[in-house]
C-alpha atoms as a PDB file:
ATOM      1  CA  MET A   1      17.796  -4.361  15.254  1.00  0.00           C
ATOM      2  CA  LYS A   2      14.075  -3.595  15.417  1.00  0.00           C
ATOM      3  CA  VAL A   3      12.177  -1.794  12.630  1.00  0.00           C
ATOM      4  CA  VAL A   4       8.752  -0.366  13.486  1.00  0.00           C
ATOM      5  CA  LEU A   5       6.271   1.574  11.364  1.00  0.00           C
ATOM      6  CA  ASN A   6       3.832   3.320  13.690  1.00  0.00           C
ATOM      7  CA  ARG A   7       0.746   4.555  11.839  1.00  0.00           C
ATOM      8  CA  LEU A   8      -0.337   7.849  13.356  1.00  0.00           C
ATOM      9  CA  VAL A   9      -3.171   9.388  11.291  1.00  0.00           C
ATOM     10  CA  ASP A  10      -5.512   8.029   8.615  1.00  0.00           C
ATOM     11  CA  THR A  11      -7.209  10.964   6.855  1.00  0.00           C
ATOM     12  CA  GLY A  12      -9.444   8.851   4.627  1.00  0.00           C
ATOM     13  CA  LYS A  13      -7.125   9.549   1.667  1.00  0.00           C
ATOM     14  CA  GLU A  14      -3.736   8.792   3.180  1.00  0.00           C
ATOM     15  CA  THR A  15      -2.047   7.370   6.251  1.00  0.00           C
ATOM     16  CA  LEU A  16       0.808   9.226   7.919  1.00  0.00           C
ATOM     17  CA  GLY A  17       3.273   7.408  10.112  1.00  0.00           C
ATOM     18  CA  ALA A  18       6.759   7.191  11.548  1.00  0.00           C
ATOM     19  CA  LEU A  19       9.316   4.492  10.823  1.00  0.00           C
ATOM     20  CA  THR A  20      11.963   3.942  13.478  1.00  0.00           C
ATOM     21  CA  ILE A  21      14.986   1.702  13.686  1.00  0.00           C
ATOM     22  CA  HIS A  22      16.151   0.687  17.148  1.00  0.00           C
ATOM     23  CA  ASP A  23      19.421  -0.978  17.977  1.00  0.00           C
ATOM     24  CA  GLU A  24      19.830  -2.865  21.265  1.00  0.00           C
ATOM     25  CA  ILE A  25      19.954   0.332  23.315  1.00  0.00           C
ATOM     26  CA  LYS A  26      18.242   3.241  21.545  1.00  0.00           C
ATOM     27  CA  GLU A  27      16.542   4.600  18.453  1.00  0.00           C
ATOM     28  CA  SER A  28      19.164   4.924  15.728  1.00  0.00           C
ATOM     29  CA  PHE A  29      17.077   6.293  12.821  1.00  0.00           C
ATOM     30  CA  SER A  30      13.609   7.676  12.190  1.00  0.00           C
ATOM     31  CA  CYS A  31      11.694   9.021   9.229  1.00  0.00           C
ATOM     32  CA  LYS A  32       8.161   9.821   8.100  1.00  0.00           C
ATOM     33  CA  THR A  33       5.972   7.423   6.125  1.00  0.00           C
ATOM     34  CA  LEU A  34       3.102   7.906   3.709  1.00  0.00           C
ATOM     35  CA  GLU A  35       0.619   5.206   2.730  1.00  0.00           C
ATOM     36  CA  LEU A  36      -2.874   4.961   1.361  1.00  0.00           C
ATOM     37  CA  SER A  37      -5.773   4.886   3.828  1.00  0.00           C
ATOM     38  CA  TRP A  38      -7.084   1.614   5.200  1.00  0.00           C
ATOM     39  CA  LYS A  39      -9.724   0.239   2.819  1.00  0.00           C
ATOM     40  CA  ASP A  40      -9.996  -3.395   3.923  1.00  0.00           C
ATOM     41  CA  ASN A  41      -6.717  -4.420   2.263  1.00  0.00           C
ATOM     42  CA  LYS A  42      -8.155  -3.919  -1.231  1.00  0.00           C
ATOM     43  CA  THR A  43      -5.532  -4.129  -3.963  1.00  0.00           C
ATOM     44  CA  ASN A  44      -4.226  -0.792  -5.292  1.00  0.00           C
ATOM     45  CA  VAL A  45      -6.381   1.381  -2.988  1.00  0.00           C
ATOM     46  CA  SER A  46      -5.502   0.347   0.591  1.00  0.00           C
ATOM     47  CA  CYS A  47      -2.523   0.180   2.883  1.00  0.00           C
ATOM     48  CA  ILE A  48      -1.670  -3.320   4.061  1.00  0.00           C
ATOM     49  CA  PRO A  49      -2.838  -4.865   7.355  1.00  0.00           C
ATOM     50  CA  ARG A  50      -0.929  -4.276  10.551  1.00  0.00           C
ATOM     51  CA  GLY A  51       1.491  -7.054  11.384  1.00  0.00           C
ATOM     52  CA  GLU A  52       5.065  -8.246  11.152  1.00  0.00           C
ATOM     53  CA  TYR A  53       6.505  -8.786   7.683  1.00  0.00           C
ATOM     54  CA  LEU A  54       9.782  -9.818   6.108  1.00  0.00           C
ATOM     55  CA  ALA A  55      11.301  -7.062   3.953  1.00  0.00           C
ATOM     56  CA  ILE A  56      14.015  -7.711   1.365  1.00  0.00           C
ATOM     57  CA  VAL A  57      16.133  -5.412  -0.789  1.00  0.00           C
ATOM     58  CA  ARG A  58      14.973  -5.460  -4.413  1.00  0.00           C
ATOM     59  CA  PHE A  59      15.826  -3.646  -7.656  1.00  0.00           C
ATOM     60  CA  SER A  60      13.501  -2.645 -10.488  1.00  0.00           C
ATOM     61  CA  GLU A  61      13.860  -0.309 -13.449  1.00  0.00           C
ATOM     62  CA  LYS A  62      10.958   1.826 -12.202  1.00  0.00           C
ATOM     63  CA  HIS A  63      12.039   2.279  -8.564  1.00  0.00           C
ATOM     64  CA  GLY A  64      15.748   1.449  -8.563  1.00  0.00           C
ATOM     65  CA  GLU A  65      16.896  -0.123  -5.311  1.00  0.00           C
ATOM     66  CA  HIS A  66      14.121  -0.395  -2.709  1.00  0.00           C
ATOM     67  CA  PHE A  67      12.502  -2.932  -0.364  1.00  0.00           C
ATOM     68  CA  ILE A  68       9.738  -5.447  -1.038  1.00  0.00           C
ATOM     69  CA  ILE A  69       7.495  -6.632   1.782  1.00  0.00           C
ATOM     70  CA  LYS A  70       6.846 -10.359   1.573  1.00  0.00           C
ATOM     71  CA  ASP A  71       3.872 -12.553   2.467  1.00  0.00           C
ATOM     72  CA  VAL A  72       1.193  -9.875   2.728  1.00  0.00           C
ATOM     73  CA  GLU A  73      -2.186 -11.596   2.820  1.00  0.00           C
ATOM     74  CA  ASP A  74      -3.966 -11.344  -0.572  1.00  0.00           C
ATOM     75  CA  ARG A  75      -1.398  -8.825  -1.883  1.00  0.00           C
ATOM     76  CA  ASP A  76       1.752  -8.855  -4.007  1.00  0.00           C
ATOM     77  CA  TYR A  77       4.530  -6.370  -4.746  1.00  0.00           C
ATOM     78  CA  ILE A  78       4.098  -4.179  -1.687  1.00  0.00           C
ATOM     79  CA  LEU A  79       7.178  -1.974  -1.798  1.00  0.00           C
ATOM     80  CA  VAL A  80       8.943   0.593   0.332  1.00  0.00           C
ATOM     81  CA  HIS A  81      10.021   3.055  -2.342  1.00  0.00           C
ATOM     82  CA  ALA A  82      10.635   6.721  -3.048  1.00  0.00           C
ATOM     83  CA  ALA A  83       7.453   8.751  -3.626  1.00  0.00           C
ATOM     84  CA  ASN A  84       6.201  12.114  -2.464  1.00  0.00           C
ATOM     85  CA  TYR A  85       2.415  11.919  -2.912  1.00  0.00           C
ATOM     86  CA  HIS A  86      -0.269   9.399  -1.928  1.00  0.00           C
ATOM     87  CA  SER A  87      -1.368   9.474  -5.580  1.00  0.00           C
ATOM     88  CA  GLN A  88       1.938   7.736  -6.447  1.00  0.00           C
ATOM     89  CA  LEU A  89       1.102   4.756  -4.218  1.00  0.00           C
ATOM     90  CA  ARG A  90      -0.862   1.563  -4.920  1.00  0.00           C
ATOM     91  CA  GLY A  91      -0.563   0.021  -1.465  1.00  0.00           C
ATOM     92  CA  CYS A  92       3.156   0.644  -1.039  1.00  0.00           C
ATOM     93  CA  ILE A  93       4.955   2.680   1.611  1.00  0.00           C
ATOM     94  CA  ALA A  94       6.762   5.929   0.837  1.00  0.00           C
ATOM     95  CA  VAL A  95       9.419   7.250   3.205  1.00  0.00           C
ATOM     96  CA  GLY A  96      10.582  10.830   3.688  1.00  0.00           C
ATOM     97  CA  LYS A  97      12.336  13.319   5.912  1.00  0.00           C
ATOM     98  CA  SER A  98       9.306  15.456   6.848  1.00  0.00           C
ATOM     99  CA  TYR A  99       5.730  16.328   5.910  1.00  0.00           C
ATOM    100  CA  SER A 100       4.778  19.253   3.701  1.00  0.00           C
ATOM    101  CA  ASP A 101       1.978  20.005   1.252  1.00  0.00           C
ATOM    102  CA  ILE A 102       4.390  20.043  -1.684  1.00  0.00           C
ATOM    103  CA  ASN A 103       1.769  20.110  -4.455  1.00  0.00           C
ATOM    104  CA  LYS A 104      -0.686  22.385  -2.571  1.00  0.00           C
ATOM    105  CA  ASP A 105      -3.620  19.923  -2.733  1.00  0.00           C
ATOM    106  CA  GLY A 106      -4.435  20.181   0.977  1.00  0.00           C
ATOM    107  CA  GLU A 107      -2.859  16.789   1.793  1.00  0.00           C
ATOM    108  CA  LEU A 108       0.508  16.256   3.446  1.00  0.00           C
ATOM    109  CA  ASP A 109       3.280  14.767   1.313  1.00  0.00           C
ATOM    110  CA  VAL A 110       6.708  13.416   2.300  1.00  0.00           C
ATOM    111  CA  THR A 111       9.864  15.344   1.448  1.00  0.00           C
ATOM    112  CA  SER A 112      13.340  14.103   0.473  1.00  0.00           C
ATOM    113  CA  SER A 113      11.973  10.652  -0.267  1.00  0.00           C
ATOM    114  CA  ARG A 114      14.853   9.351  -2.423  1.00  0.00           C
ATOM    115  CA  ASP A 115      17.465  10.567   0.087  1.00  0.00           C
ATOM    116  CA  THR A 116      15.539   8.968   2.955  1.00  0.00           C
ATOM    117  CA  LEU A 117      15.222   5.665   1.092  1.00  0.00           C
ATOM    118  CA  ASP A 118      18.951   5.748   0.306  1.00  0.00           C
ATOM    119  CA  SER A 119      19.662   6.235   4.022  1.00  0.00           C
ATOM    120  CA  LEU A 120      17.487   3.232   4.873  1.00  0.00           C
ATOM    121  CA  LEU A 121      19.223   1.129   2.227  1.00  0.00           C
ATOM    122  CA  SER A 122      22.618   1.999   3.739  1.00  0.00           C
ATOM    123  CA  ILE A 123      21.493   1.247   7.331  1.00  0.00           C
ATOM    124  CA  LEU A 124      19.301  -1.839   7.013  1.00  0.00           C
ATOM    125  CA  PRO A 125      20.474  -5.352   6.100  1.00  0.00           C
ATOM    126  CA  ASP A 126      19.365  -7.059   2.875  1.00  0.00           C
ATOM    127  CA  SER A 127      16.517  -8.709   4.796  1.00  0.00           C
ATOM    128  CA  PHE A 128      14.811  -7.764   8.058  1.00  0.00           C
ATOM    129  CA  TYR A 129      11.423  -7.844   9.762  1.00  0.00           C
ATOM    130  CA  ILE A 130       9.242  -4.750   9.938  1.00  0.00           C
ATOM    131  CA  ASN A 131       6.473  -4.450  12.500  1.00  0.00           C
ATOM    132  CA  ILE A 132       3.558  -2.278  11.330  1.00  0.00           C
ATOM    133  CA  ILE A 133       1.396  -1.043  14.209  1.00  0.00           C
END
């Protein structure tokens, strides 16, 4: 199984991307992603550097069941969790079904984030590598 997050557009406020899961033969799942813009990997205001990372299932009171991305240079607690708006992120990755300007602020948001995260949790193993490109 191969998990890839392909960053597509960085608007200066947010980064839009696509996360895909491939089995040995074909793509088996895809969804949209939302991250903060690249700001030199600064804590709380930037997405993380491109690279390959170990992701592990985690539970917290705030986010419920989600994934944590391990061993990010100079960063801790980078999560893949449910969120709709870039303003809800501090370096983490939100997943969703599609893009829409839900709150009418002129920026694209992700829809159906909790449902999309639940789908990922049911498909992916408890630990896997994610390649961010």
